[in-house]
Protein backbone atom coordinates (compact mmCIF):
# COMPACT_ATOMS: atom_id res chain seq x y z
CA MET A 1 -131.03 -179.82 29.33
CA GLN A 2 -129.21 -181.47 26.67
CA ILE A 3 -127.76 -179.71 23.60
CA ASN A 4 -127.08 -181.06 20.51
CA ILE A 5 -124.76 -178.62 17.88
CA HIS A 6 -125.01 -179.66 14.32
CA THR A 7 -123.02 -178.12 11.18
CA ASP A 8 -123.02 -178.47 7.70
CA SER A 9 -120.09 -179.30 5.56
CA THR A 10 -118.84 -175.84 5.18
CA ILE A 11 -118.59 -175.18 9.21
CA ALA A 12 -116.09 -176.73 11.30
CA ASN A 13 -117.64 -178.81 14.01
CA THR A 14 -114.84 -177.90 16.47
CA ALA A 15 -114.71 -178.86 20.15
CA GLY A 16 -114.28 -174.72 20.65
CA LEU A 17 -117.59 -174.28 18.52
CA ASN A 18 -119.53 -176.61 21.11
CA GLU A 19 -118.27 -175.15 24.12
CA HIS A 20 -119.19 -171.57 23.20
CA VAL A 21 -122.39 -172.71 21.64
CA GLN A 22 -123.28 -174.54 25.12
CA SER A 23 -121.82 -172.10 27.60
CA VAL A 24 -124.26 -169.33 25.55
CA LEU A 25 -127.43 -171.44 25.92
CA GLU A 26 -126.63 -172.21 29.24
CA ASN A 27 -125.84 -169.02 30.33
CA ALA A 28 -129.03 -167.12 28.30
CA LEU A 29 -131.54 -170.35 29.43
CA SER A 30 -130.55 -170.93 32.81
CA ARG A 31 -133.71 -169.83 34.13
CA PHE A 32 -135.79 -172.53 31.74
CA ARG A 33 -133.57 -175.48 32.87
CA ASP A 34 -136.31 -177.00 34.82
CA ASN A 35 -138.40 -176.88 32.02
CA LEU A 36 -135.91 -177.69 29.03
CA THR A 37 -135.63 -181.14 28.00
CA ARG A 38 -133.01 -180.62 24.96
CA ILE A 39 -131.94 -177.86 22.55
CA GLU A 40 -131.11 -178.77 18.66
CA VAL A 41 -128.89 -176.44 17.36
CA HIS A 42 -127.99 -176.35 13.58
CA LEU A 43 -125.36 -173.98 11.70
CA SER A 44 -125.03 -174.06 7.94
CA ASP A 45 -123.38 -171.50 5.33
CA THR A 46 -126.52 -170.62 3.12
CA ASN A 47 -123.94 -169.75 0.43
CA GLY A 48 -121.89 -172.10 0.84
CA PRO A 49 -118.26 -171.92 0.09
CA LYS A 50 -119.03 -168.79 -2.22
CA GLY A 51 -118.96 -166.59 1.01
CA GLY A 52 -121.23 -163.37 1.20
CA ALA A 53 -122.64 -161.07 3.76
CA ASP A 54 -125.09 -162.62 6.51
CA ASP A 55 -124.82 -166.13 5.17
CA ILE A 56 -124.54 -167.67 8.62
CA ARG A 57 -127.62 -169.38 9.45
CA CYS A 58 -128.25 -171.05 13.06
CA VAL A 59 -131.83 -172.82 13.70
CA MET A 60 -132.61 -173.53 17.16
CA GLU A 61 -135.12 -175.77 18.54
CA ALA A 62 -136.12 -176.45 22.03
CA ARG A 63 -138.19 -179.13 23.37
CA VAL A 64 -140.24 -177.85 26.33
CA ALA A 65 -141.85 -180.16 28.70
CA GLY A 66 -145.66 -179.94 28.40
CA TYR A 67 -145.56 -177.94 25.17
CA GLN A 68 -144.84 -177.91 21.29
CA PRO A 69 -140.99 -177.69 20.17
CA ILE A 70 -140.30 -174.13 20.07
CA ALA A 71 -137.61 -173.12 16.87
CA VAL A 72 -136.32 -170.18 15.66
CA THR A 73 -133.78 -168.74 12.70
CA GLU A 74 -131.03 -166.11 12.86
CA GLN A 75 -129.01 -165.11 9.64
CA ASN A 76 -125.95 -163.54 10.28
CA ALA A 77 -122.21 -162.70 9.05
CA THR A 78 -120.78 -165.03 11.11
CA VAL A 79 -121.23 -167.90 13.42
CA HIS A 80 -120.91 -165.73 16.82
CA GLN A 81 -123.29 -163.26 15.71
CA SER A 82 -125.76 -166.43 14.79
CA VAL A 83 -125.73 -167.89 17.80
CA ALA A 84 -126.18 -164.84 19.97
CA GLY A 85 -129.41 -163.58 17.78
CA ALA A 86 -130.61 -167.48 17.81
CA THR A 87 -130.00 -167.72 21.45
CA ASP A 88 -132.04 -164.11 22.15
CA LYS A 89 -134.77 -164.99 19.86
CA LEU A 90 -135.34 -168.38 21.59
CA LYS A 91 -135.01 -167.12 24.94
CA ARG A 92 -137.73 -164.77 24.05
CA ALA A 93 -139.91 -167.30 22.34
CA ILE A 94 -139.45 -169.93 25.21
CA ASP A 95 -140.17 -167.07 27.81
CA SER A 96 -143.62 -166.08 25.93
CA ALA A 97 -144.23 -169.75 25.45
CA LEU A 98 -144.42 -170.42 29.30
CA GLY A 99 -145.89 -167.48 30.09
CA ARG A 100 -148.79 -168.72 28.11
CA LEU A 101 -148.61 -171.99 29.57
CA GLN A 102 -148.90 -170.54 33.10
CA ASP A 103 -151.71 -168.61 32.26
CA SER A 104 -153.64 -171.41 30.81
CA LYS A 105 -153.03 -173.41 34.14
CA ARG A 106 -153.92 -170.16 36.12
CA HIS A 107 -157.47 -170.15 34.41
CA ALA A 108 -158.27 -173.11 34.41
CA THR A 109 -157.73 -173.46 38.26
CA GLY A 110 -159.69 -169.88 38.75
CA LYS A 111 -162.48 -171.18 36.74
CA ASN A 112 -162.58 -174.58 38.73
CA ALA A 113 -162.64 -172.76 41.69
CA VAL A 114 -165.59 -170.59 41.26
CA ILE A 115 -167.60 -173.56 39.58
CA ASP A 116 -166.30 -175.65 43.00
CA ALA A 117 -167.93 -172.97 45.09
CA ALA A 118 -171.07 -172.04 43.12
CA GLU A 119 -171.66 -175.95 43.55
CA ALA A 120 -170.86 -176.05 47.31
CA GLU A 121 -173.48 -173.16 47.75
CA GLU A 122 -175.96 -175.54 46.30
CA THR A 123 -175.47 -178.42 47.79
CA ALA A 124 -175.52 -176.19 51.60
CA GLU A 125 -179.14 -175.03 50.31
């Protein structure tokens, strides 16, 4: 799982920030490791140098094998809060998407099994 972190000009892209974001994502999404190919993280300050409450935006986009990209957004007062909130949302979104993907595969397999059984009975007669 590759994690790419991007920041705008108002947020310093430091090694500490990169380590924090990577550890939060790896801990939260470890069970999806085999399904994820890449995660893009975009951090920005919506008000720029003016400041303000809840002005740090974190956008995360996950690339899931066999599924459309999944994107979430969280806006909060600090970078850490925004990253934590977006990670929570992303975890739920991936869980939901993979659940739907598994359900559709399971239903397709179940339908084929019923059709194959019916065809086998017709052939036997």
